[in-house]
């Protein structure tokens, strides 16, 4: 599930002009428990398709329920 940081993603971040501090702040915003809850509920409600990790919606819900500390700040 982990995706390496660097390469293409680093180039995109640089092109968007985000400082390292802004990048960290953005990641922290994504990882707040409330934001993850809202996003996962929308994904489950919409029956979202599996992403690059091939995890389906049911697996995602189970993963989020079982690993809350691993995903939030």
PDB file of N, CA and C in Angstrom:
ATOM      1  N   UNK A   1       0.821  -1.190   0.000  1.00  0.00           N
ATOM      2  CA  UNK A   1       0.000   0.000   0.000  1.00  0.00           C
ATOM      3  C   UNK A   1       0.864   1.253   0.000  1.00  0.00           C
ATOM      4  N   UNK A   2       2.043   1.153   0.559  1.00  0.00           N
ATOM      5  CA  UNK A   2       2.930   2.308   0.584  1.00  0.00           C
ATOM      6  C   UNK A   2       3.438   2.597  -0.817  1.00  0.00           C
ATOM      7  N   UNK A   3       3.478   3.859  -1.155  1.00  0.00           N
ATOM      8  CA  UNK A   3       3.967   4.271  -2.451  1.00  0.00           C
ATOM      9  C   UNK A   3       5.232   5.084  -2.239  1.00  0.00           C
ATOM     10  N   UNK A   4       6.287   4.765  -2.979  1.00  0.00           N
ATOM     11  CA  UNK A   4       7.529   5.501  -2.774  1.00  0.00           C
ATOM     12  C   UNK A   4       7.375   6.973  -3.134  1.00  0.00           C
ATOM     13  N   UNK A   5       8.023   7.801  -2.363  1.00  0.00           N
ATOM     14  CA  UNK A   5       8.008   9.235  -2.626  1.00  0.00           C
ATOM     15  C   UNK A   5       9.222   9.562  -3.466  1.00  0.00           C
ATOM     16  N   UNK A   6       9.023  10.367  -4.447  1.00  0.00           N
ATOM     17  CA  UNK A   6      10.152  10.748  -5.272  1.00  0.00           C
ATOM     18  C   UNK A   6       9.772  10.683  -6.730  1.00  0.00           C
ATOM     19  N   UNK A   7      10.783  10.813  -7.560  1.00  0.00           N
ATOM     20  CA  UNK A   7      10.567  10.713  -8.994  1.00  0.00           C
ATOM     21  C   UNK A   7       9.496  11.649  -9.493  1.00  0.00           C
ATOM     22  N   UNK A   8       8.510  11.087 -10.138  1.00  0.00           N
ATOM     23  CA  UNK A   8       7.433  11.857 -10.761  1.00  0.00           C
ATOM     24  C   UNK A   8       6.661  12.691  -9.748  1.00  0.00           C
ATOM     25  N   UNK A   9       6.372  12.111  -8.564  1.00  0.00           N
ATOM     26  CA  UNK A   9       5.590  12.836  -7.560  1.00  0.00           C
ATOM     27  C   UNK A   9       6.357  14.051  -7.037  1.00  0.00           C
ATOM     28  N   UNK A  10       7.646  13.898  -6.817  1.00  0.00           N
ATOM     29  CA  UNK A  10       8.459  15.025  -6.364  1.00  0.00           C
ATOM     30  C   UNK A  10       8.485  16.122  -7.422  1.00  0.00           C
ATOM     31  N   UNK A  11       8.586  15.725  -8.690  1.00  0.00           N
ATOM     32  CA  UNK A  11       8.607  16.704  -9.769  1.00  0.00           C
ATOM     33  C   UNK A  11       7.297  17.488  -9.821  1.00  0.00           C
ATOM     34  N   UNK A  12       6.164  16.792  -9.664  1.00  0.00           N
ATOM     35  CA  UNK A  12       4.864  17.462  -9.662  1.00  0.00           C
ATOM     36  C   UNK A  12       4.780  18.461  -8.515  1.00  0.00           C
ATOM     37  N   UNK A  13       5.240  18.061  -7.325  1.00  0.00           N
ATOM     38  CA  UNK A  13       5.214  18.955  -6.170  1.00  0.00           C
ATOM     39  C   UNK A  13       6.050  20.199  -6.444  1.00  0.00           C
ATOM     40  N   UNK A  14       7.212  20.014  -7.048  1.00  0.00           N
ATOM     41  CA  UNK A  14       8.076  21.153  -7.345  1.00  0.00           C
ATOM     42  C   UNK A  14       7.423  22.074  -8.371  1.00  0.00           C
ATOM     43  N   UNK A  15       6.770  21.484  -9.375  1.00  0.00           N
ATOM     44  CA  UNK A  15       6.113  22.289 -10.394  1.00  0.00           C
ATOM     45  C   UNK A  15       4.971  23.108  -9.814  1.00  0.00           C
ATOM     46  N   UNK A  16       4.321  22.591  -8.804  1.00  0.00           N
ATOM     47  CA  UNK A  16       3.218  23.311  -8.164  1.00  0.00           C
ATOM     48  C   UNK A  16       3.723  24.375  -7.205  1.00  0.00           C
ATOM     49  N   UNK A  17       5.009  24.385  -6.939  1.00  0.00           N
ATOM     50  CA  UNK A  17       5.595  25.426  -6.117  1.00  0.00           C
ATOM     51  C   UNK A  17       5.350  25.272  -4.627  1.00  0.00           C
ATOM     52  N   UNK A  18       5.107  24.066  -4.151  1.00  0.00           N
ATOM     53  CA  UNK A  18       4.895  23.860  -2.719  1.00  0.00           C
ATOM     54  C   UNK A  18       6.237  23.749  -2.002  1.00  0.00           C
ATOM     55  N   UNK A  19       6.346  24.471  -0.918  1.00  0.00           N
ATOM     56  CA  UNK A  19       7.543  24.320  -0.093  1.00  0.00           C
ATOM     57  C   UNK A  19       7.420  23.018   0.690  1.00  0.00           C
ATOM     58  N   UNK A  20       8.523  22.573   1.260  1.00  0.00           N
ATOM     59  CA  UNK A  20       8.500  21.348   2.056  1.00  0.00           C
ATOM     60  C   UNK A  20       7.503  21.483   3.212  1.00  0.00           C
ATOM     61  N   UNK A  21       7.482  22.647   3.848  1.00  0.00           N
ATOM     62  CA  UNK A  21       6.561  22.884   4.950  1.00  0.00           C
ATOM     63  C   UNK A  21       5.104  22.812   4.480  1.00  0.00           C
ATOM     64  N   UNK A  22       4.816  23.369   3.327  1.00  0.00           N
ATOM     65  CA  UNK A  22       3.459  23.309   2.782  1.00  0.00           C
ATOM     66  C   UNK A  22       3.067  21.872   2.444  1.00  0.00           C
ATOM     67  N   UNK A  23       4.022  21.098   1.939  1.00  0.00           N
ATOM     68  CA  UNK A  23       3.756  19.700   1.627  1.00  0.00           C
ATOM     69  C   UNK A  23       3.414  18.928   2.897  1.00  0.00           C
ATOM     70  N   UNK A  24       4.177  19.145   3.949  1.00  0.00           N
ATOM     71  CA  UNK A  24       3.935  18.466   5.223  1.00  0.00           C
ATOM     72  C   UNK A  24       2.566  18.868   5.774  1.00  0.00           C
ATOM     73  N   UNK A  25       2.244  20.153   5.707  1.00  0.00           N
ATOM     74  CA  UNK A  25       0.948  20.635   6.188  1.00  0.00           C
ATOM     75  C   UNK A  25      -0.197  19.992   5.407  1.00  0.00           C
ATOM     76  N   UNK A  26      -0.029  19.860   4.104  1.00  0.00           N
ATOM     77  CA  UNK A  26      -1.050  19.245   3.260  1.00  0.00           C
ATOM     78  C   UNK A  26      -1.235  17.772   3.626  1.00  0.00           C
ATOM     79  N   UNK A  27      -0.155  17.059   3.824  1.00  0.00           N
ATOM     80  CA  UNK A  27      -0.227  15.650   4.220  1.00  0.00           C
ATOM     81  C   UNK A  27      -0.903  15.521   5.578  1.00  0.00           C
ATOM     82  N   UNK A  28      -0.557  16.396   6.516  1.00  0.00           N
ATOM     83  CA  UNK A  28      -1.184  16.358   7.838  1.00  0.00           C
ATOM     84  C   UNK A  28      -2.683  16.600   7.745  1.00  0.00           C
ATOM     85  N   UNK A  29      -3.091  17.477   6.858  1.00  0.00           N
ATOM     86  CA  UNK A  29      -4.511  17.745   6.660  1.00  0.00           C
ATOM     87  C   UNK A  29      -5.224  16.491   6.151  1.00  0.00           C
ATOM     88  N   UNK A  30      -4.611  15.813   5.185  1.00  0.00           N
ATOM     89  CA  UNK A  30      -5.203  14.583   4.652  1.00  0.00           C
ATOM     90  C   UNK A  30      -5.346  13.519   5.727  1.00  0.00           C
ATOM     91  N   UNK A  31      -4.371  13.447   6.621  1.00  0.00           N
ATOM     92  CA  UNK A  31      -4.318  12.351   7.585  1.00  0.00           C
ATOM     93  C   UNK A  31      -5.065  12.611   8.884  1.00  0.00           C
ATOM     94  N   UNK A  32      -5.731  13.726   8.994  1.00  0.00           N
ATOM     95  CA  UNK A  32      -6.546  13.957  10.192  1.00  0.00           C
ATOM     96  C   UNK A  32      -7.703  12.963  10.192  1.00  0.00           C
ATOM     97  N   UNK A  33      -7.981  12.428  11.361  1.00  0.00           N
ATOM     98  CA  UNK A  33      -8.988  11.370  11.474  1.00  0.00           C
ATOM     99  C   UNK A  33     -10.325  11.763  10.862  1.00  0.00           C
ATOM    100  N   UNK A  34     -10.783  12.970  11.123  1.00  0.00           N
ATOM    101  CA  UNK A  34     -12.065  13.417  10.589  1.00  0.00           C
ATOM    102  C   UNK A  34     -12.090  13.452   9.077  1.00  0.00           C
ATOM    103  N   UNK A  35     -11.003  13.886   8.469  1.00  0.00           N
ATOM    104  CA  UNK A  35     -10.939  13.937   7.009  1.00  0.00           C
ATOM    105  C   UNK A  35     -10.932  12.538   6.414  1.00  0.00           C
ATOM    106  N   UNK A  36     -10.201  11.622   7.049  1.00  0.00           N
ATOM    107  CA  UNK A  36     -10.188  10.239   6.564  1.00  0.00           C
ATOM    108  C   UNK A  36     -11.565   9.600   6.696  1.00  0.00           C
ATOM    109  N   UNK A  37     -12.251   9.909   7.775  1.00  0.00           N
ATOM    110  CA  UNK A  37     -13.591   9.351   7.988  1.00  0.00           C
ATOM    111  C   UNK A  37     -14.550   9.815   6.907  1.00  0.00           C
ATOM    112  N   UNK A  38     -14.549  11.110   6.640  1.00  0.00           N
ATOM    113  CA  UNK A  38     -15.440  11.668   5.616  1.00  0.00           C
ATOM    114  C   UNK A  38     -15.100  11.078   4.244  1.00  0.00           C
ATOM    115  N   UNK A  39     -13.820  11.029   3.927  1.00  0.00           N
ATOM    116  CA  UNK A  39     -13.405  10.505   2.621  1.00  0.00           C
ATOM    117  C   UNK A  39     -13.761   9.032   2.475  1.00  0.00           C
ATOM    118  N   UNK A  40     -13.524   8.249   3.516  1.00  0.00           N
ATOM    119  CA  UNK A  40     -13.823   6.814   3.413  1.00  0.00           C
ATOM    120  C   UNK A  40     -15.338   6.577   3.323  1.00  0.00           C
ATOM    121  N   UNK A  41     -16.124   7.363   4.035  1.00  0.00           N
ATOM    122  CA  UNK A  41     -17.586   7.213   3.945  1.00  0.00           C
ATOM    123  C   UNK A  41     -18.078   7.526   2.529  1.00  0.00           C
ATOM    124  N   UNK A  42     -17.540   8.577   1.923  1.00  0.00           N
ATOM    125  CA  UNK A  42     -17.932   8.925   0.553  1.00  0.00           C
ATOM    126  C   UNK A  42     -17.530   7.825  -0.421  1.00  0.00           C
ATOM    127  N   UNK A  43     -16.338   7.292  -0.231  1.00  0.00           N
ATOM    128  CA  UNK A  43     -15.854   6.235  -1.101  1.00  0.00           C
ATOM    129  C   UNK A  43     -16.730   4.989  -0.985  1.00  0.00           C
ATOM    130  N   UNK A  44     -17.064   4.619   0.238  1.00  0.00           N
ATOM    131  CA  UNK A  44     -17.899   3.438   0.466  1.00  0.00           C
ATOM    132  C   UNK A  44     -19.308   3.664  -0.092  1.00  0.00           C
ATOM    133  N   UNK A  45     -19.864   4.851   0.162  1.00  0.00           N
ATOM    134  CA  UNK A  45     -21.207   5.166  -0.331  1.00  0.00           C
ATOM    135  C   UNK A  45     -21.253   5.131  -1.861  1.00  0.00           C
ATOM    136  N   UNK A  46     -20.201   5.615  -2.502  1.00  0.00           N
ATOM    137  CA  UNK A  46     -20.156   5.666  -3.965  1.00  0.00           C
ATOM    138  C   UNK A  46     -19.652   4.370  -4.590  1.00  0.00           C
ATOM    139  N   UNK A  47     -19.306   3.397  -3.724  1.00  0.00           N
ATOM    140  CA  UNK A  47     -18.763   2.116  -4.202  1.00  0.00           C
ATOM    141  C   UNK A  47     -17.571   2.350  -5.117  1.00  0.00           C
ATOM    142  N   UNK A  48     -16.653   3.163  -4.628  1.00  0.00           N
ATOM    143  CA  UNK A  48     -15.467   3.525  -5.396  1.00  0.00           C
ATOM    144  C   UNK A  48     -14.670   2.325  -5.870  1.00  0.00           C
ATOM    145  N   UNK A  49     -14.035   2.495  -6.999  1.00  0.00           N
ATOM    146  CA  UNK A  49     -13.221   1.435  -7.590  1.00  0.00           C
ATOM    147  C   UNK A  49     -11.898   1.305  -6.845  1.00  0.00           C
ATOM    148  N   UNK A  50     -11.319   0.128  -6.925  1.00  0.00           N
ATOM    149  CA  UNK A  50     -10.015  -0.108  -6.305  1.00  0.00           C
ATOM    150  C   UNK A  50      -8.974   0.806  -6.955  1.00  0.00           C
ATOM    151  N   UNK A  51      -8.042   1.255  -6.148  1.00  0.00           N
ATOM    152  CA  UNK A  51      -6.980   2.110  -6.645  1.00  0.00           C
ATOM    153  C   UNK A  51      -5.766   1.306  -7.066  1.00  0.00           C
ATOM    154  N   UNK A  52      -4.646   1.965  -7.081  1.00  0.00           N
ATOM    155  CA  UNK A  52      -3.409   1.329  -7.515  1.00  0.00           C
ATOM    156  C   UNK A  52      -3.020   0.158  -6.618  1.00  0.00           C
ATOM    157  N   UNK A  53      -3.475   0.190  -5.372  1.00  0.00           N
ATOM    158  CA  UNK A  53      -3.166  -0.894  -4.434  1.00  0.00           C
ATOM    159  C   UNK A  53      -4.112  -2.082  -4.585  1.00  0.00           C
ATOM    160  N   UNK A  54      -5.106  -1.970  -5.469  1.00  0.00           N
ATOM    161  CA  UNK A  54      -6.079  -3.031  -5.748  1.00  0.00           C
ATOM    162  C   UNK A  54      -6.959  -3.377  -4.549  1.00  0.00           C
ATOM    163  N   UNK A  55      -7.042  -2.489  -3.571  1.00  0.00           N
ATOM    164  CA  UNK A  55      -7.869  -2.722  -2.384  1.00  0.00           C
ATOM    165  C   UNK A  55      -9.292  -2.283  -2.699  1.00  0.00           C
ATOM    166  N   UNK A  56     -10.245  -3.213  -2.533  1.00  0.00           N
ATOM    167  CA  UNK A  56     -11.630  -2.842  -2.803  1.00  0.00           C
ATOM    168  C   UNK A  56     -12.213  -2.111  -1.591  1.00  0.00           C
ATOM    169  N   UNK A  57     -13.441  -1.634  -1.733  1.00  0.00           N
ATOM    170  CA  UNK A  57     -14.063  -0.803  -0.701  1.00  0.00           C
ATOM    171  C   UNK A  57     -14.229  -1.559   0.618  1.00  0.00           C
ATOM    172  N   UNK A  58     -14.646  -2.815   0.557  1.00  0.00           N
ATOM    173  CA  UNK A  58     -14.800  -3.591   1.787  1.00  0.00           C
ATOM    174  C   UNK A  58     -13.466  -3.783   2.499  1.00  0.00           C
ATOM    175  N   UNK A  59     -12.421  -4.041   1.729  1.00  0.00           N
ATOM    176  CA  UNK A  59     -11.085  -4.207   2.326  1.00  0.00           C
ATOM    177  C   UNK A  59     -10.608  -2.893   2.935  1.00  0.00           C
ATOM    178  N   UNK A  60     -10.909  -1.778   2.264  1.00  0.00           N
ATOM    179  CA  UNK A  60     -10.505  -0.471   2.786  1.00  0.00           C
ATOM    180  C   UNK A  60     -11.175  -0.199   4.123  1.00  0.00           C
ATOM    181  N   UNK A  61     -12.472  -0.445   4.198  1.00  0.00           N
ATOM    182  CA  UNK A  61     -13.182  -0.202   5.457  1.00  0.00           C
ATOM    183  C   UNK A  61     -12.595  -1.036   6.580  1.00  0.00           C
ATOM    184  N   UNK A  62     -12.370  -2.307   6.305  1.00  0.00           N
ATOM    185  CA  UNK A  62     -11.792  -3.192   7.311  1.00  0.00           C
ATOM    186  C   UNK A  62     -10.394  -2.710   7.720  1.00  0.00           C
ATOM    187  N   UNK A  63      -9.593  -2.290   6.728  1.00  0.00           N
ATOM    188  CA  UNK A  63      -8.242  -1.800   7.014  1.00  0.00           C
ATOM    189  C   UNK A  63      -8.285  -0.533   7.875  1.00  0.00           C
ATOM    190  N   UNK A  64      -9.157   0.394   7.531  1.00  0.00           N
ATOM    191  CA  UNK A  64      -9.263   1.631   8.296  1.00  0.00           C
ATOM    192  C   UNK A  64      -9.760   1.369   9.717  1.00  0.00           C
ATOM    193  N   UNK A  65     -10.702   0.435   9.856  1.00  0.00           N
ATOM    194  CA  UNK A  65     -11.206   0.091  11.193  1.00  0.00           C
ATOM    195  C   UNK A  65     -10.129  -0.576  12.050  1.00  0.00           C
ATOM    196  N   UNK A  66      -9.314  -1.416  11.420  1.00  0.00           N
ATOM    197  CA  UNK A  66      -8.295  -2.175  12.144  1.00  0.00           C
ATOM    198  C   UNK A  66      -7.010  -1.389  12.401  1.00  0.00           C
ATOM    199  N   UNK A  67      -6.762  -0.339  11.644  1.00  0.00           N
ATOM    200  CA  UNK A  67      -5.474   0.372  11.726  1.00  0.00           C
ATOM    201  C   UNK A  67      -5.604   1.889  11.850  1.00  0.00           C
ATOM    202  N   UNK A  68      -6.460   2.405  12.706  1.00  0.00           N
ATOM    203  CA  UNK A  68      -6.647   3.859  12.767  1.00  0.00           C
ATOM    204  C   UNK A  68      -5.383   4.614  13.170  1.00  0.00           C
ATOM    205  N   UNK A  69      -4.600   4.041  14.060  1.00  0.00           N
ATOM    206  CA  UNK A  69      -3.400   4.742  14.520  1.00  0.00           C
ATOM    207  C   UNK A  69      -2.323   4.821  13.440  1.00  0.00           C
ATOM    208  N   UNK A  70      -2.352   3.917  12.509  1.00  0.00           N
ATOM    209  CA  UNK A  70      -1.338   3.908  11.458  1.00  0.00           C
ATOM    210  C   UNK A  70      -1.589   4.990  10.410  1.00  0.00           C
ATOM    211  N   UNK A  71      -2.813   5.510  10.384  1.00  0.00           N
ATOM    212  CA  UNK A  71      -3.187   6.430   9.319  1.00  0.00           C
ATOM    213  C   UNK A  71      -3.405   7.866   9.782  1.00  0.00           C
ATOM    214  N   UNK A  72      -3.564   8.079  11.057  1.00  0.00           N
ATOM    215  CA  UNK A  72      -3.902   9.428  11.523  1.00  0.00           C
ATOM    216  C   UNK A  72      -2.748  10.037  12.304  1.00  0.00           C
ATOM    217  N   UNK A  73      -2.828  11.357  12.444  1.00  0.00           N
ATOM    218  CA  UNK A  73      -1.798  12.078  13.210  1.00  0.00           C
ATOM    219  C   UNK A  73      -2.408  12.619  14.479  1.00  0.00           C
TER     220      UNK A  73
END
